[in-house]
Amino acid sequence: AADAIKPWRRKLTIVVRVRLHPQNVFVTVPSYEVVVASPAGE
């Protein structure tokens, strides 16, 4: 287990799962962005 998590040391990962309409014209996942900020906006 310790070996398995070595690449993730001191990291927090936020995973967003998105669904797209089957008739979309995308050829790759759109550039969704995740922002983490303080309540003040920093």
PDB file of all heavy atoms in Angstrom:
ATOM      1  N   ALA A   1       0.830  -1.203   0.000  1.00  0.00           N
ATOM      2  CA  ALA A   1       0.000   0.000   0.000  1.00  0.00           C
ATOM      3  C   ALA A   1       0.865   1.254   0.000  1.00  0.00           C
ATOM      4  O   ALA A   1       0.578   2.224  -0.712  1.00  0.00           O
ATOM      5  CB  ALA A   1      -0.926  -0.009   1.214  1.00  0.00           C
ATOM      6  N   ALA A   2       1.943   1.249   0.806  1.00  0.00           N
ATOM      7  CA  ALA A   2       2.838   2.400   0.866  1.00  0.00           C
ATOM      8  C   ALA A   2       3.478   2.654  -0.495  1.00  0.00           C
ATOM      9  O   ALA A   2       3.621   3.808  -0.932  1.00  0.00           O
ATOM     10  CB  ALA A   2       3.907   2.173   1.920  1.00  0.00           C
ATOM     11  N   ASP A   3       3.839   1.579  -1.199  1.00  0.00           N
ATOM     12  CA  ASP A   3       4.419   1.733  -2.535  1.00  0.00           C
ATOM     13  C   ASP A   3       3.384   2.278  -3.518  1.00  0.00           C
ATOM     14  O   ASP A   3       3.704   3.105  -4.383  1.00  0.00           O
ATOM     15  CB  ASP A   3       4.953   0.394  -3.042  1.00  0.00           C
ATOM     16  CG  ASP A   3       6.208  -0.061  -2.307  1.00  0.00           C
ATOM     17  OD1 ASP A   3       6.887   0.800  -1.706  1.00  0.00           O
ATOM     18  OD2 ASP A   3       6.498  -1.276  -2.319  1.00  0.00           O
ATOM     19  N   ALA A   4       2.137   1.817  -3.385  1.00  0.00           N
ATOM     20  CA  ALA A   4       1.082   2.204  -4.325  1.00  0.00           C
ATOM     21  C   ALA A   4       0.755   3.693  -4.250  1.00  0.00           C
ATOM     22  O   ALA A   4       0.384   4.310  -5.254  1.00  0.00           O
ATOM     23  CB  ALA A   4      -0.177   1.375  -4.065  1.00  0.00           C
ATOM     24  N   ILE A   5       0.905   4.278  -3.062  1.00  0.00           N
ATOM     25  CA  ILE A   5       0.524   5.684  -2.906  1.00  0.00           C
ATOM     26  C   ILE A   5       1.713   6.643  -2.995  1.00  0.00           C
ATOM     27  O   ILE A   5       1.533   7.854  -2.841  1.00  0.00           O
ATOM     28  CB  ILE A   5      -0.231   5.923  -1.582  1.00  0.00           C
ATOM     29  CG1 ILE A   5       0.665   5.588  -0.373  1.00  0.00           C
ATOM     30  CG2 ILE A   5      -1.539   5.150  -1.543  1.00  0.00           C
ATOM     31  CD1 ILE A   5       0.047   5.964   0.954  1.00  0.00           C
ATOM     32  N   LYS A   6       2.896   6.125  -3.284  1.00  0.00           N
ATOM     33  CA  LYS A   6       4.061   7.001  -3.391  1.00  0.00           C
ATOM     34  C   LYS A   6       3.867   8.138  -4.383  1.00  0.00           C
ATOM     35  O   LYS A   6       4.247   9.283  -4.105  1.00  0.00           O
ATOM     36  CB  LYS A   6       5.300   6.174  -3.762  1.00  0.00           C
ATOM     37  CG  LYS A   6       5.974   5.499  -2.574  1.00  0.00           C
ATOM     38  CD  LYS A   6       7.221   4.754  -3.017  1.00  0.00           C
ATOM     39  CE  LYS A   6       7.906   4.074  -1.828  1.00  0.00           C
ATOM     40  NZ  LYS A   6       9.114   3.305  -2.260  1.00  0.00           N
ATOM     41  N   PRO A   7       3.273   7.884  -5.557  1.00  0.00           N
ATOM     42  CA  PRO A   7       3.093   9.002  -6.511  1.00  0.00           C
ATOM     43  C   PRO A   7       2.116  10.065  -6.020  1.00  0.00           C
ATOM     44  O   PRO A   7       2.069  11.161  -6.578  1.00  0.00           O
ATOM     45  CB  PRO A   7       2.544   8.306  -7.766  1.00  0.00           C
ATOM     46  CG  PRO A   7       2.912   6.870  -7.608  1.00  0.00           C
ATOM     47  CD  PRO A   7       2.856   6.612  -6.138  1.00  0.00           C
ATOM     48  N   TRP A   8       1.349   9.747  -4.969  1.00  0.00           N
ATOM     49  CA  TRP A   8       0.291  10.655  -4.512  1.00  0.00           C
ATOM     50  C   TRP A   8       0.606  11.268  -3.158  1.00  0.00           C
ATOM     51  O   TRP A   8      -0.276  11.804  -2.502  1.00  0.00           O
ATOM     52  CB  TRP A   8      -1.039   9.893  -4.445  1.00  0.00           C
ATOM     53  CG  TRP A   8      -1.302   9.108  -5.687  1.00  0.00           C
ATOM     54  CD1 TRP A   8      -1.260   7.747  -5.836  1.00  0.00           C
ATOM     55  CD2 TRP A   8      -1.603   9.634  -6.985  1.00  0.00           C
ATOM     56  NE1 TRP A   8      -1.516   7.399  -7.128  1.00  0.00           N
ATOM     57  CE2 TRP A   8      -1.739   8.532  -7.853  1.00  0.00           C
ATOM     58  CE3 TRP A   8      -1.792  10.933  -7.476  1.00  0.00           C
ATOM     59  CZ2 TRP A   8      -2.037   8.696  -9.206  1.00  0.00           C
ATOM     60  CZ3 TRP A   8      -2.087  11.091  -8.815  1.00  0.00           C
ATOM     61  CH2 TRP A   8      -2.213   9.985  -9.666  1.00  0.00           C
ATOM     62  N   ARG A   9       1.864  11.219  -2.750  1.00  0.00           N
ATOM     63  CA  ARG A   9       2.252  11.776  -1.467  1.00  0.00           C
ATOM     64  C   ARG A   9       1.876  13.254  -1.365  1.00  0.00           C
ATOM     65  O   ARG A   9       2.212  14.041  -2.254  1.00  0.00           O
ATOM     66  CB  ARG A   9       3.755  11.613  -1.228  1.00  0.00           C
ATOM     67  CG  ARG A   9       4.196  10.188  -0.953  1.00  0.00           C
ATOM     68  CD  ARG A   9       3.660   9.681   0.368  1.00  0.00           C
ATOM     69  NE  ARG A   9       4.199   8.366   0.723  1.00  0.00           N
ATOM     70  CZ  ARG A   9       3.778   7.651   1.755  1.00  0.00           C
ATOM     71  NH1 ARG A   9       2.797   8.125   2.512  1.00  0.00           N
ATOM     72  NH2 ARG A   9       4.315   6.493   2.021  1.00  0.00           N
ATOM     73  N   ARG A  10       1.146  13.586  -0.310  1.00  0.00           N
ATOM     74  CA  ARG A  10       0.768  14.961   0.019  1.00  0.00           C
ATOM     75  C   ARG A  10      -0.031  15.631  -1.101  1.00  0.00           C
ATOM     76  O   ARG A  10       0.021  16.837  -1.284  1.00  0.00           O
ATOM     77  CB  ARG A  10       2.002  15.800   0.376  1.00  0.00           C
ATOM     78  CG  ARG A  10       2.798  15.234   1.526  1.00  0.00           C
ATOM     79  CD  ARG A  10       4.033  16.045   1.815  1.00  0.00           C
ATOM     80  NE  ARG A  10       3.704  17.322   2.431  1.00  0.00           N
ATOM     81  CZ  ARG A  10       3.511  17.524   3.731  1.00  0.00           C
ATOM     82  NH1 ARG A  10       3.586  16.492   4.567  1.00  0.00           N
ATOM     83  NH2 ARG A  10       3.224  18.724   4.188  1.00  0.00           N
ATOM     84  N   LYS A  11      -0.792  14.811  -1.841  1.00  0.00           N
ATOM     85  CA  LYS A  11      -1.629  15.340  -2.915  1.00  0.00           C
ATOM     86  C   LYS A  11      -3.108  15.120  -2.600  1.00  0.00           C
ATOM     87  O   LYS A  11      -3.492  14.093  -2.048  1.00  0.00           O
ATOM     88  CB  LYS A  11      -1.296  14.671  -4.248  1.00  0.00           C
ATOM     89  CG  LYS A  11       0.049  15.047  -4.830  1.00  0.00           C
ATOM     90  CD  LYS A  11       0.257  14.393  -6.182  1.00  0.00           C
ATOM     91  CE  LYS A  11       1.621  14.752  -6.753  1.00  0.00           C
ATOM     92  NZ  LYS A  11       1.838  14.099  -8.076  1.00  0.00           N
ATOM     93  N   LEU A  12      -3.899  16.096  -2.975  1.00  0.00           N
ATOM     94  CA  LEU A  12      -5.351  15.979  -2.949  1.00  0.00           C
ATOM     95  C   LEU A  12      -5.813  16.037  -4.403  1.00  0.00           C
ATOM     96  O   LEU A  12      -5.462  16.966  -5.130  1.00  0.00           O
ATOM     97  CB  LEU A  12      -5.984  17.128  -2.166  1.00  0.00           C
ATOM     98  CG  LEU A  12      -7.500  17.271  -2.342  1.00  0.00           C
ATOM     99  CD1 LEU A  12      -8.240  16.174  -1.592  1.00  0.00           C
ATOM    100  CD2 LEU A  12      -7.975  18.641  -1.886  1.00  0.00           C
ATOM    101  N   THR A  13      -6.566  15.038  -4.824  1.00  0.00           N
ATOM    102  CA  THR A  13      -7.069  14.997  -6.193  1.00  0.00           C
ATOM    103  C   THR A  13      -8.575  15.171  -6.191  1.00  0.00           C
ATOM    104  O   THR A  13      -9.291  14.485  -5.451  1.00  0.00           O
ATOM    105  CB  THR A  13      -6.702  13.669  -6.878  1.00  0.00           C
ATOM    106  OG1 THR A  13      -5.285  13.497  -6.855  1.00  0.00           O
ATOM    107  CG2 THR A  13      -7.189  13.651  -8.320  1.00  0.00           C
ATOM    108  N   ILE A  14      -9.049  16.101  -6.997  1.00  0.00           N
ATOM    109  CA  ILE A  14     -10.487  16.308  -7.166  1.00  0.00           C
ATOM    110  C   ILE A  14     -10.867  15.735  -8.523  1.00  0.00           C
ATOM    111  O   ILE A  14     -10.331  16.137  -9.555  1.00  0.00           O
ATOM    112  CB  ILE A  14     -10.865  17.792  -7.071  1.00  0.00           C
ATOM    113  CG1 ILE A  14     -10.493  18.318  -5.677  1.00  0.00           C
ATOM    114  CG2 ILE A  14     -12.358  17.986  -7.333  1.00  0.00           C
ATOM    115  CD1 ILE A  14     -10.819  19.784  -5.460  1.00  0.00           C
ATOM    116  N   VAL A  15     -11.763  14.760  -8.499  1.00  0.00           N
ATOM    117  CA  VAL A  15     -12.170  14.047  -9.703  1.00  0.00           C
ATOM    118  C   VAL A  15     -13.575  14.489 -10.085  1.00  0.00           C
ATOM    119  O   VAL A  15     -14.505  14.385  -9.282  1.00  0.00           O
ATOM    120  CB  VAL A  15     -12.141  12.525  -9.491  1.00  0.00           C
ATOM    121  CG1 VAL A  15     -12.495  11.796 -10.791  1.00  0.00           C
ATOM    122  CG2 VAL A  15     -10.782  12.081  -8.972  1.00  0.00           C
ATOM    123  N   VAL A  16     -13.715  14.991 -11.293  1.00  0.00           N
ATOM    124  CA  VAL A  16     -15.023  15.405 -11.807  1.00  0.00           C
ATOM    125  C   VAL A  16     -15.397  14.469 -12.947  1.00  0.00           C
ATOM    126  O   VAL A  16     -14.656  14.340 -13.928  1.00  0.00           O
ATOM    127  CB  VAL A  16     -15.003  16.860 -12.301  1.00  0.00           C
ATOM    128  CG1 VAL A  16     -16.355  17.237 -12.908  1.00  0.00           C
ATOM    129  CG2 VAL A  16     -14.652  17.807 -11.155  1.00  0.00           C
ATOM    130  N   ARG A  17     -16.511  13.812 -12.791  1.00  0.00           N
ATOM    131  CA  ARG A  17     -17.017  12.928 -13.844  1.00  0.00           C
ATOM    132  C   ARG A  17     -18.107  13.672 -14.603  1.00  0.00           C
ATOM    133  O   ARG A  17     -19.064  14.161 -13.991  1.00  0.00           O
ATOM    134  CB  ARG A  17     -17.567  11.639 -13.246  1.00  0.00           C
ATOM    135  CG  ARG A  17     -17.976  10.586 -14.290  1.00  0.00           C
ATOM    136  CD  ARG A  17     -18.575   9.364 -13.610  1.00  0.00           C
ATOM    137  NE  ARG A  17     -18.945   8.354 -14.584  1.00  0.00           N
ATOM    138  CZ  ARG A  17     -18.198   7.315 -14.925  1.00  0.00           C
ATOM    139  NH1 ARG A  17     -17.017   7.145 -14.356  1.00  0.00           N
ATOM    140  NH2 ARG A  17     -18.603   6.436 -15.830  1.00  0.00           N
ATOM    141  N   VAL A  18     -17.953  13.767 -15.923  1.00  0.00           N
ATOM    142  CA  VAL A  18     -18.909  14.516 -16.735  1.00  0.00           C
ATOM    143  C   VAL A  18     -19.586  13.572 -17.730  1.00  0.00           C
ATOM    144  O   VAL A  18     -19.020  12.556 -18.149  1.00  0.00           O
ATOM    145  CB  VAL A  18     -18.230  15.674 -17.499  1.00  0.00           C
ATOM    146  CG1 VAL A  18     -17.594  16.642 -16.523  1.00  0.00           C
ATOM    147  CG2 VAL A  18     -17.179  15.150 -18.471  1.00  0.00           C
ATOM    148  N   ARG A  19     -20.814  13.904 -18.065  1.00  0.00           N
ATOM    149  CA  ARG A  19     -21.543  13.166 -19.094  1.00  0.00           C
ATOM    150  C   ARG A  19     -21.815  14.097 -20.266  1.00  0.00           C
ATOM    151  O   ARG A  19     -22.071  15.287 -20.081  1.00  0.00           O
ATOM    152  CB  ARG A  19     -22.860  12.608 -18.533  1.00  0.00           C
ATOM    153  CG  ARG A  19     -23.812  13.660 -18.051  1.00  0.00           C
ATOM    154  CD  ARG A  19     -25.206  13.074 -17.804  1.00  0.00           C
ATOM    155  NE  ARG A  19     -25.228  12.259 -16.604  1.00  0.00           N
ATOM    156  CZ  ARG A  19     -25.486  12.735 -15.384  1.00  0.00           C
ATOM    157  NH1 ARG A  19     -25.700  14.034 -15.214  1.00  0.00           N
ATOM    158  NH2 ARG A  19     -25.518  11.958 -14.348  1.00  0.00           N
ATOM    159  N   LEU A  20     -21.744  13.558 -21.454  1.00  0.00           N
ATOM    160  CA  LEU A  20     -21.962  14.340 -22.668  1.00  0.00           C
ATOM    161  C   LEU A  20     -23.120  13.748 -23.459  1.00  0.00           C
ATOM    162  O   LEU A  20     -23.362  12.537 -23.417  1.00  0.00           O
ATOM    163  CB  LEU A  20     -20.698  14.346 -23.531  1.00  0.00           C
ATOM    164  CG  LEU A  20     -19.430  14.917 -22.893  1.00  0.00           C
ATOM    165  CD1 LEU A  20     -18.228  14.686 -23.795  1.00  0.00           C
ATOM    166  CD2 LEU A  20     -19.593  16.397 -22.589  1.00  0.00           C
ATOM    167  N   HIS A  21     -23.826  14.593 -24.174  1.00  0.00           N
ATOM    168  CA  HIS A  21     -24.917  14.113 -25.008  1.00  0.00           C
ATOM    169  C   HIS A  21     -24.346  13.173 -26.077  1.00  0.00           C
ATOM    170  O   HIS A  21     -23.301  13.479 -26.686  1.00  0.00           O
ATOM    171  CB  HIS A  21     -25.629  15.295 -25.677  1.00  0.00           C
ATOM    172  CG  HIS A  21     -26.929  14.919 -26.301  1.00  0.00           C
ATOM    173  ND1 HIS A  21     -27.011  14.265 -27.511  1.00  0.00           N
ATOM    174  CD2 HIS A  21     -28.212  15.088 -25.875  1.00  0.00           C
ATOM    175  CE1 HIS A  21     -28.267  14.050 -27.823  1.00  0.00           C
ATOM    176  NE2 HIS A  21     -29.028  14.535 -26.849  1.00  0.00           N
ATOM    177  N   PRO A  22     -24.989  12.036 -26.333  1.00  0.00           N
ATOM    178  CA  PRO A  22     -24.445  11.084 -27.323  1.00  0.00           C
ATOM    179  C   PRO A  22     -24.259  11.674 -28.711  1.00  0.00           C
ATOM    180  O   PRO A  22     -23.454  11.162 -29.499  1.00  0.00           O
ATOM    181  CB  PRO A  22     -25.503   9.967 -27.344  1.00  0.00           C
ATOM    182  CG  PRO A  22     -26.173  10.055 -26.006  1.00  0.00           C
ATOM    183  CD  PRO A  22     -26.180  11.522 -25.659  1.00  0.00           C
ATOM    184  N   GLN A  23     -24.966  12.750 -29.033  1.00  0.00           N
ATOM    185  CA  GLN A  23     -24.845  13.355 -30.361  1.00  0.00           C
ATOM    186  C   GLN A  23     -23.882  14.543 -30.382  1.00  0.00           C
ATOM    187  O   GLN A  23     -23.898  15.343 -31.325  1.00  0.00           O
ATOM    188  CB  GLN A  23     -26.222  13.787 -30.853  1.00  0.00           C
ATOM    189  CG  GLN A  23     -27.179  12.608 -31.073  1.00  0.00           C
ATOM    190  CD  GLN A  23     -28.547  13.034 -31.569  1.00  0.00           C
ATOM    191  OE1 GLN A  23     -28.891  14.216 -31.517  1.00  0.00           O
ATOM    192  NE2 GLN A  23     -29.327  12.081 -32.050  1.00  0.00           N
ATOM    193  N   ASN A  24     -23.027  14.635 -29.357  1.00  0.00           N
ATOM    194  CA  ASN A  24     -22.058  15.731 -29.330  1.00  0.00           C
ATOM    195  C   ASN A  24     -21.036  15.541 -30.454  1.00  0.00           C
ATOM    196  O   ASN A  24     -20.897  14.450 -31.026  1.00  0.00           O
ATOM    197  CB  ASN A  24     -21.361  15.797 -27.965  1.00  0.00           C
ATOM    198  CG  ASN A  24     -20.368  14.663 -27.771  1.00  0.00           C
ATOM    199  OD1 ASN A  24     -19.243  14.698 -28.244  1.00  0.00           O
ATOM    200  ND2 ASN A  24     -20.809  13.618 -27.063  1.00  0.00           N
ATOM    201  N   VAL A  25     -20.295  16.596 -30.742  1.00  0.00           N
ATOM    202  CA  VAL A  25     -19.298  16.547 -31.826  1.00  0.00           C
ATOM    203  C   VAL A  25     -17.863  16.570 -31.279  1.00  0.00           C
ATOM    204  O   VAL A  25     -16.917  16.767 -32.037  1.00  0.00           O
ATOM    205  CB  VAL A  25     -19.504  17.730 -32.804  1.00  0.00           C
ATOM    206  CG1 VAL A  25     -20.839  17.614 -33.508  1.00  0.00           C
ATOM    207  CG2 VAL A  25     -19.405  19.070 -32.071  1.00  0.00           C
ATOM    208  N   PHE A  26     -17.699  16.351 -29.972  1.00  0.00           N
ATOM    209  CA  PHE A  26     -16.364  16.372 -29.378  1.00  0.00           C
ATOM    210  C   PHE A  26     -15.557  15.152 -29.820  1.00  0.00           C
ATOM    211  O   PHE A  26     -16.086  14.043 -29.948  1.00  0.00           O
ATOM    212  CB  PHE A  26     -16.445  16.386 -27.852  1.00  0.00           C
ATOM    213  CG  PHE A  26     -17.102  17.611 -27.286  1.00  0.00           C
ATOM    214  CD1 PHE A  26     -18.254  17.508 -26.510  1.00  0.00           C
ATOM    215  CD2 PHE A  26     -16.578  18.867 -27.505  1.00  0.00           C
ATOM    216  CE1 PHE A  26     -18.869  18.630 -25.980  1.00  0.00           C
ATOM    217  CE2 PHE A  26     -17.178  20.006 -26.991  1.00  0.00           C
ATOM    218  CZ  PHE A  26     -18.328  19.876 -26.220  1.00  0.00           C
ATOM    219  N   VAL A  27     -14.255  15.354 -30.004  1.00  0.00           N
ATOM    220  CA  VAL A  27     -13.345  14.242 -30.299  1.00  0.00           C
ATOM    221  C   VAL A  27     -12.415  13.986 -29.115  1.00  0.00           C
ATOM    222  O   VAL A  27     -11.652  13.022 -29.121  1.00  0.00           O
ATOM    223  CB  VAL A  27     -12.515  14.517 -31.568  1.00  0.00           C
ATOM    224  CG1 VAL A  27     -13.422  14.576 -32.789  1.00  0.00           C
ATOM    225  CG2 VAL A  27     -11.706  15.800 -31.430  1.00  0.00           C
ATOM    226  N   THR A  28     -12.481  14.836 -28.104  1.00  0.00           N
ATOM    227  CA  THR A  28     -11.726  14.661 -26.879  1.00  0.00           C
ATOM    228  C   THR A  28     -12.502  15.322 -25.746  1.00  0.00           C
ATOM    229  O   THR A  28     -13.474  16.053 -25.988  1.00  0.00           O
ATOM    230  CB  THR A  28     -10.318  15.284 -26.996  1.00  0.00           C
ATOM    231  OG1 THR A  28      -9.549  14.939 -25.835  1.00  0.00           O
ATOM    232  CG2 THR A  28     -10.400  16.795 -27.121  1.00  0.00           C
ATOM    233  N   VAL A  29     -12.102  15.049 -24.527  1.00  0.00           N
ATOM    234  CA  VAL A  29     -12.801  15.615 -23.373  1.00  0.00           C
ATOM    235  C   VAL A  29     -12.608  17.126 -23.346  1.00  0.00           C
ATOM    236  O   VAL A  29     -11.472  17.608 -23.433  1.00  0.00           O
ATOM    237  CB  VAL A  29     -12.277  15.001 -22.053  1.00  0.00           C
ATOM    238  CG1 VAL A  29     -13.027  15.577 -20.856  1.00  0.00           C
ATOM    239  CG2 VAL A  29     -12.422  13.486 -22.077  1.00  0.00           C
ATOM    240  N   PRO A  30     -13.685  17.899 -23.263  1.00  0.00           N
ATOM    241  CA  PRO A  30     -13.546  19.357 -23.179  1.00  0.00           C
ATOM    242  C   PRO A  30     -12.680  19.764 -21.992  1.00  0.00           C
ATOM    243  O   PRO A  30     -12.528  19.013 -21.023  1.00  0.00           O
ATOM    244  CB  PRO A  30     -14.993  19.836 -23.013  1.00  0.00           C
ATOM    245  CG  PRO A  30     -15.827  18.735 -23.596  1.00  0.00           C
ATOM    246  CD  PRO A  30     -15.091  17.467 -23.285  1.00  0.00           C
ATOM    247  N   SER A  31     -12.126  20.961 -22.059  1.00  0.00           N
ATOM    248  CA  SER A  31     -11.177  21.429 -21.043  1.00  0.00           C
ATOM    249  C   SER A  31     -11.888  21.949 -19.790  1.00  0.00           C
ATOM    250  O   SER A  31     -11.817  23.142 -19.455  1.00  0.00           O
ATOM    251  CB  SER A  31     -10.270  22.509 -21.637  1.00  0.00           C
ATOM    252  OG  SER A  31      -9.524  21.998 -22.701  1.00  0.00           O
ATOM    253  N   TYR A  32     -12.560  21.031 -19.083  1.00  0.00           N
ATOM    254  CA  TYR A  32     -13.163  21.410 -17.805  1.00  0.00           C
ATOM    255  C   TYR A  32     -12.055  21.769 -16.825  1.00  0.00           C
ATOM    256  O   TYR A  32     -11.007  21.122 -16.786  1.00  0.00           O
ATOM    257  CB  TYR A  32     -13.994  20.258 -17.245  1.00  0.00           C
ATOM    258  CG  TYR A  32     -15.265  19.999 -18.026  1.00  0.00           C
ATOM    259  CD1 TYR A  32     -15.270  19.086 -19.070  1.00  0.00           C
ATOM    260  CD2 TYR A  32     -16.447  20.667 -17.721  1.00  0.00           C
ATOM    261  CE1 TYR A  32     -16.430  18.845 -19.793  1.00  0.00           C
ATOM    262  CE2 TYR A  32     -17.612  20.425 -18.436  1.00  0.00           C
ATOM    263  CZ  TYR A  32     -17.591  19.520 -19.477  1.00  0.00           C
ATOM    264  OH  TYR A  32     -18.732  19.286 -20.199  1.00  0.00           O
ATOM    265  N   GLU A  33     -12.301  22.778 -16.023  1.00  0.00           N
ATOM    266  CA  GLU A  33     -11.308  23.247 -15.064  1.00  0.00           C
ATOM    267  C   GLU A  33     -11.874  23.187 -13.661  1.00  0.00           C
ATOM    268  O   GLU A  33     -13.061  23.465 -13.434  1.00  0.00           O
ATOM    269  CB  GLU A  33     -10.902  24.686 -15.385  1.00  0.00           C
ATOM    270  CG  GLU A  33     -10.263  24.849 -16.758  1.00  0.00           C
ATOM    271  CD  GLU A  33      -9.940  26.300 -17.066  1.00  0.00           C
ATOM    272  OE1 GLU A  33     -10.590  27.188 -16.471  1.00  0.00           O
ATOM    273  OE2 GLU A  33      -9.044  26.547 -17.888  1.00  0.00           O
ATOM    274  N   VAL A  34     -11.022  22.818 -12.717  1.00  0.00           N
ATOM    275  CA  VAL A  34     -11.390  22.798 -11.304  1.00  0.00           C
ATOM    276  C   VAL A  34     -10.553  23.838 -10.578  1.00  0.00           C
ATOM    277  O   VAL A  34      -9.324  23.858 -10.711  1.00  0.00           O
ATOM    278  CB  VAL A  34     -11.166  21.407 -10.681  1.00  0.00           C
ATOM    279  CG1 VAL A  34     -11.476  21.435  -9.188  1.00  0.00           C
ATOM    280  CG2 VAL A  34     -12.031  20.359 -11.376  1.00  0.00           C
ATOM    281  N   VAL A  35     -11.209  24.704  -9.845  1.00  0.00           N
ATOM    282  CA  VAL A  35     -10.531  25.761  -9.084  1.00  0.00           C
ATOM    283  C   VAL A  35     -10.857  25.581  -7.612  1.00  0.00           C
ATOM    284  O   VAL A  35     -12.017  25.387  -7.238  1.00  0.00           O
ATOM    285  CB  VAL A  35     -10.986  27.159  -9.550  1.00  0.00           C
ATOM    286  CG1 VAL A  35     -10.320  28.251  -8.706  1.00  0.00           C
ATOM    287  CG2 VAL A  35     -10.654  27.364 -11.021  1.00  0.00           C
ATOM    288  N   VAL A  36      -9.829  25.628  -6.773  1.00  0.00           N
ATOM    289  CA  VAL A  36      -9.998  25.585  -5.322  1.00  0.00           C
ATOM    290  C   VAL A  36      -9.542  26.924  -4.766  1.00  0.00           C
ATOM    291  O   VAL A  36      -8.434  27.378  -5.058  1.00  0.00           O
ATOM    292  CB  VAL A  36      -9.184  24.442  -4.683  1.00  0.00           C
ATOM    293  CG1 VAL A  36      -9.324  24.465  -3.162  1.00  0.00           C
ATOM    294  CG2 VAL A  36      -9.640  23.095  -5.228  1.00  0.00           C
ATOM    295  N   ALA A  37     -10.400  27.561  -3.986  1.00  0.00           N
ATOM    296  CA  ALA A  37     -10.072  28.905  -3.487  1.00  0.00           C
ATOM    297  C   ALA A  37     -10.578  29.088  -2.071  1.00  0.00           C
ATOM    298  O   ALA A  37     -11.448  28.347  -1.596  1.00  0.00           O
ATOM    299  CB  ALA A  37     -10.682  29.965  -4.398  1.00  0.00           C
ATOM    300  N   SER A  38     -10.030  30.076  -1.403  1.00  0.00           N
ATOM    301  CA  SER A  38     -10.522  30.462  -0.085  1.00  0.00           C
ATOM    302  C   SER A  38     -11.856  31.181  -0.268  1.00  0.00           C
ATOM    303  O   SER A  38     -12.188  31.618  -1.374  1.00  0.00           O
ATOM    304  CB  SER A  38      -9.525  31.386   0.598  1.00  0.00           C
ATOM    305  OG  SER A  38      -9.472  32.629  -0.097  1.00  0.00           O
ATOM    306  N   PRO A  39     -12.655  31.316   0.803  1.00  0.00           N
ATOM    307  CA  PRO A  39     -13.909  32.074   0.680  1.00  0.00           C
ATOM    308  C   PRO A  39     -13.689  33.492   0.155  1.00  0.00           C
ATOM    309  O   PRO A  39     -14.578  34.069  -0.475  1.00  0.00           O
ATOM    310  CB  PRO A  39     -14.449  32.078   2.110  1.00  0.00           C
ATOM    311  CG  PRO A  39     -13.906  30.813   2.705  1.00  0.00           C
ATOM    312  CD  PRO A  39     -12.529  30.680   2.113  1.00  0.00           C
ATOM    313  N   ALA A  40     -12.472  34.037   0.371  1.00  0.00           N
ATOM    314  CA  ALA A  40     -12.163  35.385  -0.114  1.00  0.00           C
ATOM    315  C   ALA A  40     -11.760  35.403  -1.582  1.00  0.00           C
ATOM    316  O   ALA A  40     -11.591  36.474  -2.167  1.00  0.00           O
ATOM    317  CB  ALA A  40     -11.052  35.998   0.726  1.00  0.00           C
ATOM    318  N   GLY A  41     -11.583  34.208  -2.167  1.00  0.00           N
ATOM    319  CA  GLY A  41     -11.266  34.135  -3.586  1.00  0.00           C
ATOM    320  C   GLY A  41      -9.823  33.847  -3.924  1.00  0.00           C
ATOM    321  O   GLY A  41      -9.471  33.744  -5.098  1.00  0.00           O
ATOM    322  N   GLU A  42      -8.959  33.679  -2.921  1.00  0.00           N
ATOM    323  CA  GLU A  42      -7.548  33.379  -3.186  1.00  0.00           C
ATOM    324  C   GLU A  42      -7.412  31.925  -3.622  1.00  0.00           C
ATOM    325  O   GLU A  42      -7.752  31.006  -2.886  1.00  0.00           O
ATOM    326  CB  GLU A  42      -6.699  33.626  -1.940  1.00  0.00           C
ATOM    327  CG  GLU A  42      -5.219  33.398  -2.154  1.00  0.00           C
ATOM    328  CD  GLU A  42      -4.402  33.648  -0.898  1.00  0.00           C
ATOM    329  OE1 GLU A  42      -4.993  34.094   0.113  1.00  0.00           O
ATOM    330  OE2 GLU A  42      -3.183  33.397  -0.942  1.00  0.00           O
TER     331      GLU A  42
END
